[in-house]
Amino acid sequence: MITDEIKVIDVDTHVTEPYDLFTSRVSTKKWGDAVPHVRTIPWNTARQWDPKADPETPRDIWILNGQPSSPIGITTMAGWREWPPAHPSTIEDFDPGAYDAEKRLERMDEYGMYAHVIYPNVAGFGNQNFLKLEDPELMLACVRAYNDFLHEWCGLNPDRLLPIMAVPFWDVDETVKEIERCAKLGHKGVLFPQQPHLFGDSPMLADPHWNPVWHTAEDLGLSINFHIGSGNPVDVHGGYEGNGQQANYSAGTVRFFMDNMN
């Protein structure tokens, strides 16, 4: 097989985080409902994603700081047989390879993939969803909890499952500390938002404000990873109605890539 000679690496894959990732690692006694967790509840904006969806149908939804963030199924399409933007409602509809490391390796073998670079879902594609938690101490605790989980998840085969760390980019000093900590754990890169200036008081990427981050990553031999959809929210539902929702959804995903030019 060609994969015996050429190691194929998928550089954009995701892990569907276990429902107890944060509640098992972050104090609910201290922060209560603010800790990210999952509830199975109706989602009143479901038809923005799927015009055939029933908003009253319960879905597995991540709750951040007591407020619904997003259904898990939006970012977990593996094994789903309908066209986007329709998506699975509960974990029973997912391919186990989305959340089970052993099953992931089995799927990789089936597809002839040597390695996967692993990104998050819950925190957003640039860690920006952690800002919804508002409490800086809780935000940092959740960043660390995710990174510890990902280190353990990829530990089943660290040569093939390559973790990319989350960072508290809103605090450069803490970001540097987390990069140093996670490098020791074996993380391979640093996930960073493509437009940090859109979040809080952070400046644009070219600002010297970020130099300690770049220098730390360079010194440790780590990549800086920019994922689409980690900056300005793109309206994937807009466009001319006559085009149909699937066509407009596809156009929205193209704009995700264009935003990386910023």
C-alpha atoms as a PDB file:
ATOM      1  CA  MET A   1       0.000   0.000   0.000  1.00  0.00           C
ATOM      2  CA  ILE A   2       1.097   3.565  -0.660  1.00  0.00           C
ATOM      3  CA  THR A   3       0.581   4.371   3.025  1.00  0.00           C
ATOM      4  CA  ASP A   4       3.319   1.883   3.843  1.00  0.00           C
ATOM      5  CA  GLU A   5       5.729   4.227   2.055  1.00  0.00           C
ATOM      6  CA  ILE A   6       4.064   7.623   2.558  1.00  0.00           C
ATOM      7  CA  LYS A   7       2.652   8.521   5.959  1.00  0.00           C
ATOM      8  CA  VAL A   8      -0.603  10.375   5.342  1.00  0.00           C
ATOM      9  CA  ILE A   9      -1.418  12.939   8.042  1.00  0.00           C
ATOM     10  CA  ASP A  10      -4.811  14.622   8.291  1.00  0.00           C
ATOM     11  CA  VAL A  11      -4.003  18.089   9.639  1.00  0.00           C
ATOM     12  CA  ASP A  12      -7.573  19.097  10.518  1.00  0.00           C
ATOM     13  CA  THR A  13      -9.508  16.636  12.642  1.00  0.00           C
ATOM     14  CA  HIS A  14     -11.475  17.175  15.845  1.00  0.00           C
ATOM     15  CA  VAL A  15     -12.314  15.376  19.041  1.00  0.00           C
ATOM     16  CA  THR A  16     -15.879  15.364  20.311  1.00  0.00           C
ATOM     17  CA  GLU A  17     -15.248  16.076  23.961  1.00  0.00           C
ATOM     18  CA  PRO A  18     -16.796  13.715  26.534  1.00  0.00           C
ATOM     19  CA  TYR A  19     -19.781  15.171  28.313  1.00  0.00           C
ATOM     20  CA  ASP A  20     -18.050  15.118  31.693  1.00  0.00           C
ATOM     21  CA  LEU A  21     -14.751  16.607  30.517  1.00  0.00           C
ATOM     22  CA  PHE A  22     -15.112  19.790  32.550  1.00  0.00           C
ATOM     23  CA  THR A  23     -17.428  18.672  35.349  1.00  0.00           C
ATOM     24  CA  SER A  24     -15.004  15.881  36.241  1.00  0.00           C
ATOM     25  CA  ARG A  25     -11.961  18.197  36.307  1.00  0.00           C
ATOM     26  CA  VAL A  26     -13.256  21.635  37.318  1.00  0.00           C
ATOM     27  CA  SER A  27     -14.970  22.354  40.645  1.00  0.00           C
ATOM     28  CA  THR A  28     -18.747  22.489  40.268  1.00  0.00           C
ATOM     29  CA  LYS A  29     -18.877  23.141  44.000  1.00  0.00           C
ATOM     30  CA  LYS A  30     -17.065  26.413  43.380  1.00  0.00           C
ATOM     31  CA  TRP A  31     -18.544  27.463  40.035  1.00  0.00           C
ATOM     32  CA  GLY A  32     -21.771  25.476  39.804  1.00  0.00           C
ATOM     33  CA  ASP A  33     -23.683  25.707  36.528  1.00  0.00           C
ATOM     34  CA  ALA A  34     -21.058  27.983  34.998  1.00  0.00           C
ATOM     35  CA  VAL A  35     -18.800  24.964  34.399  1.00  0.00           C
ATOM     36  CA  PRO A  36     -19.308  23.682  30.825  1.00  0.00           C
ATOM     37  CA  HIS A  37     -21.647  20.687  30.751  1.00  0.00           C
ATOM     38  CA  VAL A  38     -24.199  19.007  28.501  1.00  0.00           C
ATOM     39  CA  ARG A  39     -27.965  19.047  28.688  1.00  0.00           C
ATOM     40  CA  THR A  40     -30.458  17.345  26.414  1.00  0.00           C
ATOM     41  CA  ILE A  41     -32.926  20.141  25.703  1.00  0.00           C
ATOM     42  CA  PRO A  42     -34.865  21.685  22.783  1.00  0.00           C
ATOM     43  CA  TRP A  43     -32.907  24.150  20.663  1.00  0.00           C
ATOM     44  CA  ASN A  44     -35.079  27.031  19.544  1.00  0.00           C
ATOM     45  CA  THR A  45     -32.752  28.122  16.713  1.00  0.00           C
ATOM     46  CA  ALA A  46     -32.523  24.656  15.135  1.00  0.00           C
ATOM     47  CA  ARG A  47     -34.189  25.756  11.896  1.00  0.00           C
ATOM     48  CA  GLN A  48     -31.411  28.231  11.217  1.00  0.00           C
ATOM     49  CA  TRP A  49     -29.295  25.150  10.567  1.00  0.00           C
ATOM     50  CA  ASP A  50     -31.854  22.717   9.231  1.00  0.00           C
ATOM     51  CA  PRO A  51     -35.246  23.941   7.917  1.00  0.00           C
ATOM     52  CA  LYS A  52     -36.681  20.460   8.479  1.00  0.00           C
ATOM     53  CA  ALA A  53     -35.646  20.374  12.123  1.00  0.00           C
ATOM     54  CA  ASP A  54     -38.165  20.488  14.936  1.00  0.00           C
ATOM     55  CA  PRO A  55     -37.041  23.096  17.499  1.00  0.00           C
ATOM     56  CA  GLU A  56     -38.832  21.100  20.185  1.00  0.00           C
ATOM     57  CA  THR A  57     -36.792  17.957  19.566  1.00  0.00           C
ATOM     58  CA  PRO A  58     -34.299  17.518  22.438  1.00  0.00           C
ATOM     59  CA  ARG A  59     -30.639  17.719  21.439  1.00  0.00           C
ATOM     60  CA  ASP A  60     -27.380  17.302  23.300  1.00  0.00           C
ATOM     61  CA  ILE A  61     -26.249  20.892  23.840  1.00  0.00           C
ATOM     62  CA  TRP A  62     -23.198  22.310  25.568  1.00  0.00           C
ATOM     63  CA  ILE A  63     -24.059  24.803  28.297  1.00  0.00           C
ATOM     64  CA  LEU A  64     -21.419  27.452  29.071  1.00  0.00           C
ATOM     65  CA  ASN A  65     -21.894  29.772  32.024  1.00  0.00           C
ATOM     66  CA  GLY A  66     -25.471  28.571  32.343  1.00  0.00           C
ATOM     67  CA  GLN A  67     -26.349  29.451  28.727  1.00  0.00           C
ATOM     68  CA  PRO A  68     -26.756  27.179  25.664  1.00  0.00           C
ATOM     69  CA  SER A  69     -23.684  27.407  23.447  1.00  0.00           C
ATOM     70  CA  SER A  70     -24.126  24.941  20.590  1.00  0.00           C
ATOM     71  CA  PRO A  71     -25.416  21.437  19.876  1.00  0.00           C
ATOM     72  CA  ILE A  72     -22.687  18.844  19.855  1.00  0.00           C
ATOM     73  CA  GLY A  73     -23.880  17.453  16.544  1.00  0.00           C
ATOM     74  CA  ILE A  74     -23.032  20.614  14.582  1.00  0.00           C
ATOM     75  CA  THR A  75     -19.344  19.747  14.785  1.00  0.00           C
ATOM     76  CA  THR A  76     -19.688  15.960  14.851  1.00  0.00           C
ATOM     77  CA  MET A  77     -20.692  14.857  11.374  1.00  0.00           C
ATOM     78  CA  ALA A  78     -18.731  11.606  11.127  1.00  0.00           C
ATOM     79  CA  GLY A  79     -21.139   8.758  10.495  1.00  0.00           C
ATOM     80  CA  TRP A  80     -23.994  11.134   9.701  1.00  0.00           C
ATOM     81  CA  ARG A  81     -25.789  10.302   6.455  1.00  0.00           C
ATOM     82  CA  GLU A  82     -27.711  13.509   5.763  1.00  0.00           C
ATOM     83  CA  TRP A  83     -26.423  16.580   3.964  1.00  0.00           C
ATOM     84  CA  PRO A  84     -25.212  19.544   6.042  1.00  0.00           C
ATOM     85  CA  PRO A  85     -26.426  21.736   7.619  1.00  0.00           C
ATOM     86  CA  ALA A  86     -28.576  18.917   9.039  1.00  0.00           C
ATOM     87  CA  HIS A  87     -26.714  17.284  11.921  1.00  0.00           C
ATOM     88  CA  PRO A  88     -27.106  14.532  14.529  1.00  0.00           C
ATOM     89  CA  SER A  89     -29.022  15.316  17.714  1.00  0.00           C
ATOM     90  CA  THR A  90     -27.425  13.018  20.288  1.00  0.00           C
ATOM     91  CA  ILE A  91     -24.270  11.018  20.867  1.00  0.00           C
ATOM     92  CA  GLU A  92     -26.061   7.844  19.763  1.00  0.00           C
ATOM     93  CA  ASP A  93     -26.011   9.268  16.214  1.00  0.00           C
ATOM     94  CA  PHE A  94     -22.225   9.803  16.149  1.00  0.00           C
ATOM     95  CA  ASP A  95     -19.501   7.536  14.875  1.00  0.00           C
ATOM     96  CA  PRO A  96     -17.665   6.379  18.048  1.00  0.00           C
ATOM     97  CA  GLY A  97     -14.411   7.399  16.400  1.00  0.00           C
ATOM     98  CA  ALA A  98     -15.423  10.995  17.074  1.00  0.00           C
ATOM     99  CA  TYR A  99     -14.989  10.625  20.829  1.00  0.00           C
ATOM    100  CA  ASP A 100     -13.267   7.272  21.476  1.00  0.00           C
ATOM    101  CA  ALA A 101      -9.500   7.271  20.828  1.00  0.00           C
ATOM    102  CA  GLU A 102      -9.325   3.518  20.273  1.00  0.00           C
ATOM    103  CA  LYS A 103     -12.131   3.682  17.705  1.00  0.00           C
ATOM    104  CA  ARG A 104     -10.442   6.685  16.101  1.00  0.00           C
ATOM    105  CA  LEU A 105      -7.298   4.675  15.514  1.00  0.00           C
ATOM    106  CA  GLU A 106      -9.386   1.878  13.994  1.00  0.00           C
ATOM    107  CA  ARG A 107     -10.993   4.356  11.575  1.00  0.00           C
ATOM    108  CA  MET A 108      -7.591   5.772  10.691  1.00  0.00           C
ATOM    109  CA  ASP A 109      -6.381   2.287   9.822  1.00  0.00           C
ATOM    110  CA  GLU A 110      -9.465   1.731   7.661  1.00  0.00           C
ATOM    111  CA  TYR A 111      -8.856   4.996   5.773  1.00  0.00           C
ATOM    112  CA  GLY A 112      -5.104   4.554   5.428  1.00  0.00           C
ATOM    113  CA  MET A 113      -4.290   7.543   7.660  1.00  0.00           C
ATOM    114  CA  TYR A 114      -1.102   7.497   9.686  1.00  0.00           C
ATOM    115  CA  ALA A 115      -1.810  10.430  11.995  1.00  0.00           C
ATOM    116  CA  HIS A 116      -4.465  12.977  12.956  1.00  0.00           C
ATOM    117  CA  VAL A 117      -3.871  16.511  14.207  1.00  0.00           C
ATOM    118  CA  ILE A 118      -6.544  17.043  16.869  1.00  0.00           C
ATOM    119  CA  TYR A 119      -8.543  20.253  17.387  1.00  0.00           C
ATOM    120  CA  PRO A 120     -11.345  21.086  19.862  1.00  0.00           C
ATOM    121  CA  ASN A 121     -15.051  21.729  19.399  1.00  0.00           C
ATOM    122  CA  VAL A 122     -16.518  23.060  22.650  1.00  0.00           C
ATOM    123  CA  ALA A 123     -14.089  25.952  23.077  1.00  0.00           C
ATOM    124  CA  GLY A 124     -14.461  27.100  19.494  1.00  0.00           C
ATOM    125  CA  PHE A 125     -11.814  26.808  16.829  1.00  0.00           C
ATOM    126  CA  GLY A 126      -9.614  29.464  18.461  1.00  0.00           C
ATOM    127  CA  ASN A 127     -10.407  29.037  22.165  1.00  0.00           C
ATOM    128  CA  GLN A 128     -12.770  32.018  21.984  1.00  0.00           C
ATOM    129  CA  ASN A 129     -15.759  30.276  23.578  1.00  0.00           C
ATOM    130  CA  PHE A 130     -13.939  30.151  26.903  1.00  0.00           C
ATOM    131  CA  LEU A 131     -14.572  33.906  27.097  1.00  0.00           C
ATOM    132  CA  LYS A 132     -18.274  33.149  27.573  1.00  0.00           C
ATOM    133  CA  LEU A 133     -17.396  31.904  31.046  1.00  0.00           C
ATOM    134  CA  GLU A 134     -16.474  35.488  32.067  1.00  0.00           C
ATOM    135  CA  ASP A 135     -14.636  34.508  35.262  1.00  0.00           C
ATOM    136  CA  PRO A 136     -10.876  34.567  34.444  1.00  0.00           C
ATOM    137  CA  GLU A 137     -10.096  31.898  37.036  1.00  0.00           C
ATOM    138  CA  LEU A 138     -12.760  29.573  35.637  1.00  0.00           C
ATOM    139  CA  MET A 139     -11.646  30.277  32.075  1.00  0.00           C
ATOM    140  CA  LEU A 140      -8.079  29.290  32.906  1.00  0.00           C
ATOM    141  CA  ALA A 141      -9.195  26.196  34.813  1.00  0.00           C
ATOM    142  CA  CYS A 142     -11.194  25.039  31.786  1.00  0.00           C
ATOM    143  CA  VAL A 143      -8.283  25.643  29.399  1.00  0.00           C
ATOM    144  CA  ARG A 144      -6.063  23.488  31.576  1.00  0.00           C
ATOM    145  CA  ALA A 145      -8.753  20.831  31.975  1.00  0.00           C
ATOM    146  CA  TYR A 146      -9.153  20.546  28.208  1.00  0.00           C
ATOM    147  CA  ASN A 147      -5.401  20.330  27.628  1.00  0.00           C
ATOM    148  CA  ASP A 148      -5.003  17.647  30.277  1.00  0.00           C
ATOM    149  CA  PHE A 149      -7.858  15.667  28.745  1.00  0.00           C
ATOM    150  CA  LEU A 150      -6.423  15.958  25.235  1.00  0.00           C
ATOM    151  CA  HIS A 151      -2.999  14.837  26.433  1.00  0.00           C
ATOM    152  CA  GLU A 152      -4.586  11.742  27.973  1.00  0.00           C
ATOM    153  CA  TRP A 153      -6.831  11.065  24.955  1.00  0.00           C
ATOM    154  CA  CYS A 154      -3.927  11.238  22.504  1.00  0.00           C
ATOM    155  CA  GLY A 155      -1.757   9.234  24.884  1.00  0.00           C
ATOM    156  CA  LEU A 156      -3.220   5.998  23.528  1.00  0.00           C
ATOM    157  CA  ASN A 157      -0.853   6.478  20.578  1.00  0.00           C
ATOM    158  CA  PRO A 158       0.971   9.823  20.744  1.00  0.00           C
ATOM    159  CA  ASP A 159       2.812   9.174  17.483  1.00  0.00           C
ATOM    160  CA  ARG A 160      -0.498   9.094  15.594  1.00  0.00           C
ATOM    161  CA  LEU A 161      -2.828  11.304  17.657  1.00  0.00           C
ATOM    162  CA  LEU A 162      -1.244  14.754  17.747  1.00  0.00           C
ATOM    163  CA  PRO A 163      -2.654  17.186  20.340  1.00  0.00           C
ATOM    164  CA  ILE A 164      -2.900  20.931  19.692  1.00  0.00           C
ATOM    165  CA  MET A 165      -3.204  22.847  22.961  1.00  0.00           C
ATOM    166  CA  ALA A 166      -5.758  25.491  23.856  1.00  0.00           C
ATOM    167  CA  VAL A 167      -4.379  28.708  25.361  1.00  0.00           C
ATOM    168  CA  PRO A 168      -5.860  31.587  27.388  1.00  0.00           C
ATOM    169  CA  PHE A 169      -4.923  34.097  24.681  1.00  0.00           C
ATOM    170  CA  TRP A 170      -6.665  36.932  26.565  1.00  0.00           C
ATOM    171  CA  ASP A 171      -3.754  36.799  29.047  1.00  0.00           C
ATOM    172  CA  VAL A 172      -0.303  36.654  27.439  1.00  0.00           C
ATOM    173  CA  ASP A 173       1.537  35.761  30.639  1.00  0.00           C
ATOM    174  CA  GLU A 174      -0.783  32.831  31.334  1.00  0.00           C
ATOM    175  CA  THR A 175      -0.582  31.816  27.684  1.00  0.00           C
ATOM    176  CA  VAL A 176       3.201  31.544  27.903  1.00  0.00           C
ATOM    177  CA  LYS A 177       2.904  29.483  31.100  1.00  0.00           C
ATOM    178  CA  GLU A 178       0.369  27.135  29.506  1.00  0.00           C
ATOM    179  CA  ILE A 179       2.502  26.681  26.399  1.00  0.00           C
ATOM    180  CA  GLU A 180       5.458  25.710  28.564  1.00  0.00           C
ATOM    181  CA  ARG A 181       3.329  23.351  30.660  1.00  0.00           C
ATOM    182  CA  CYS A 182       1.704  21.632  27.700  1.00  0.00           C
ATOM    183  CA  ALA A 183       4.955  21.292  25.783  1.00  0.00           C
ATOM    184  CA  LYS A 184       6.203  19.134  28.645  1.00  0.00           C
ATOM    185  CA  LEU A 185       3.058  17.000  28.326  1.00  0.00           C
ATOM    186  CA  GLY A 186       3.717  16.408  24.636  1.00  0.00           C
ATOM    187  CA  HIS A 187       1.406  18.820  22.844  1.00  0.00           C
ATOM    188  CA  LYS A 188       2.587  19.517  19.308  1.00  0.00           C
ATOM    189  CA  GLY A 189       1.211  22.979  18.583  1.00  0.00           C
ATOM    190  CA  VAL A 190      -0.617  26.045  19.877  1.00  0.00           C
ATOM    191  CA  LEU A 191      -4.173  26.825  18.779  1.00  0.00           C
ATOM    192  CA  PHE A 192      -4.617  30.568  18.287  1.00  0.00           C
ATOM    193  CA  PRO A 193      -7.516  32.704  17.010  1.00  0.00           C
ATOM    194  CA  GLN A 194      -7.105  34.185  13.555  1.00  0.00           C
ATOM    195  CA  GLN A 195      -8.595  37.543  14.644  1.00  0.00           C
ATOM    196  CA  PRO A 196      -7.854  37.982  18.361  1.00  0.00           C
ATOM    197  CA  HIS A 197      -8.654  41.696  18.191  1.00  0.00           C
ATOM    198  CA  LEU A 198     -12.338  40.804  17.928  1.00  0.00           C
ATOM    199  CA  PHE A 199     -12.325  39.432  21.465  1.00  0.00           C
ATOM    200  CA  GLY A 200     -12.041  41.748  24.435  1.00  0.00           C
ATOM    201  CA  ASP A 201      -9.028  44.061  24.525  1.00  0.00           C
ATOM    202  CA  SER A 202      -6.690  41.871  22.475  1.00  0.00           C
ATOM    203  CA  PRO A 203      -4.767  43.580  19.634  1.00  0.00           C
ATOM    204  CA  MET A 204      -4.318  42.311  16.082  1.00  0.00           C
ATOM    205  CA  LEU A 205      -1.929  39.471  15.350  1.00  0.00           C
ATOM    206  CA  ALA A 206       0.818  41.732  13.992  1.00  0.00           C
ATOM    207  CA  ASP A 207       1.056  43.687  17.253  1.00  0.00           C
ATOM    208  CA  PRO A 208       4.259  43.157  19.318  1.00  0.00           C
ATOM    209  CA  HIS A 209       1.938  42.349  22.222  1.00  0.00           C
ATOM    210  CA  TRP A 210       2.028  38.738  21.019  1.00  0.00           C
ATOM    211  CA  ASN A 211       5.814  38.410  20.691  1.00  0.00           C
ATOM    212  CA  PRO A 212       6.237  36.457  23.956  1.00  0.00           C
ATOM    213  CA  VAL A 213       3.811  33.856  22.606  1.00  0.00           C
ATOM    214  CA  TRP A 214       5.616  33.485  19.268  1.00  0.00           C
ATOM    215  CA  HIS A 215       9.043  33.382  20.911  1.00  0.00           C
ATOM    216  CA  THR A 216       7.995  30.752  23.444  1.00  0.00           C
ATOM    217  CA  ALA A 217       6.498  28.506  20.784  1.00  0.00           C
ATOM    218  CA  GLU A 218       9.557  28.909  18.570  1.00  0.00           C
ATOM    219  CA  ASP A 219      11.950  28.112  21.408  1.00  0.00           C
ATOM    220  CA  LEU A 220       9.996  24.939  22.186  1.00  0.00           C
ATOM    221  CA  GLY A 221       9.712  23.835  18.558  1.00  0.00           C
ATOM    222  CA  LEU A 222       5.920  24.185  18.468  1.00  0.00           C
ATOM    223  CA  SER A 223       3.740  25.308  15.592  1.00  0.00           C
ATOM    224  CA  ILE A 224       1.170  28.102  15.866  1.00  0.00           C
ATOM    225  CA  ASN A 225      -2.072  26.734  14.437  1.00  0.00           C
ATOM    226  CA  PHE A 226      -4.836  28.920  12.974  1.00  0.00           C
ATOM    227  CA  HIS A 227      -8.127  27.144  12.335  1.00  0.00           C
ATOM    228  CA  ILE A 228     -10.880  28.526  10.147  1.00  0.00           C
ATOM    229  CA  GLY A 229     -13.833  29.954  12.015  1.00  0.00           C
ATOM    230  CA  SER A 230     -11.706  31.249  14.868  1.00  0.00           C
ATOM    231  CA  GLY A 231     -12.342  34.927  14.271  1.00  0.00           C
ATOM    232  CA  ASN A 232     -15.239  36.958  12.950  1.00  0.00           C
ATOM    233  CA  PRO A 233     -18.438  34.864  13.076  1.00  0.00           C
ATOM    234  CA  VAL A 234     -19.508  33.979   9.543  1.00  0.00           C
ATOM    235  CA  ASP A 235     -23.198  33.911   8.674  1.00  0.00           C
ATOM    236  CA  VAL A 236     -23.547  30.450   7.146  1.00  0.00           C
ATOM    237  CA  HIS A 237     -27.303  30.904   6.813  1.00  0.00           C
ATOM    238  CA  GLY A 238     -27.429  34.122   4.783  1.00  0.00           C
ATOM    239  CA  GLY A 239     -27.424  34.697   1.039  1.00  0.00           C
ATOM    240  CA  TYR A 240     -30.107  34.703  -1.611  1.00  0.00           C
ATOM    241  CA  GLU A 241     -32.984  32.531  -0.448  1.00  0.00           C
ATOM    242  CA  GLY A 242     -33.548  31.196  -3.954  1.00  0.00           C
ATOM    243  CA  ASN A 243     -30.134  29.515  -3.897  1.00  0.00           C
ATOM    244  CA  GLY A 244     -31.331  27.125  -1.227  1.00  0.00           C
ATOM    245  CA  GLN A 245     -29.929  26.624   2.239  1.00  0.00           C
ATOM    246  CA  GLN A 246     -27.298  24.069   1.274  1.00  0.00           C
ATOM    247  CA  ALA A 247     -25.785  26.367  -1.379  1.00  0.00           C
ATOM    248  CA  ASN A 248     -25.720  29.311   1.018  1.00  0.00           C
ATOM    249  CA  TYR A 249     -24.208  27.108   3.702  1.00  0.00           C
ATOM    250  CA  SER A 250     -21.427  26.117   1.286  1.00  0.00           C
ATOM    251  CA  ALA A 251     -20.752  29.780   0.457  1.00  0.00           C
ATOM    252  CA  GLY A 252     -20.494  30.540   4.161  1.00  0.00           C
ATOM    253  CA  THR A 253     -17.842  27.895   4.643  1.00  0.00           C
ATOM    254  CA  VAL A 254     -15.748  29.507   1.876  1.00  0.00           C
ATOM    255  CA  ARG A 255     -15.854  32.787   3.814  1.00  0.00           C
ATOM    256  CA  PHE A 256     -14.422  30.931   6.796  1.00  0.00           C
ATOM    257  CA  PHE A 257     -11.240  30.360   4.785  1.00  0.00           C
ATOM    258  CA  MET A 258     -11.129  33.926   3.466  1.00  0.00           C
ATOM    259  CA  ASP A 259     -11.088  35.251   7.027  1.00  0.00           C
ATOM    260  CA  ASN A 260      -7.726  33.560   7.548  1.00  0.00           C
ATOM    261  CA  MET A 261      -6.236  36.305   5.339  1.00  0.00           C
ATOM    262  CA  ASN A 262      -6.736  38.705   8.234  1.00  0.00           C
END
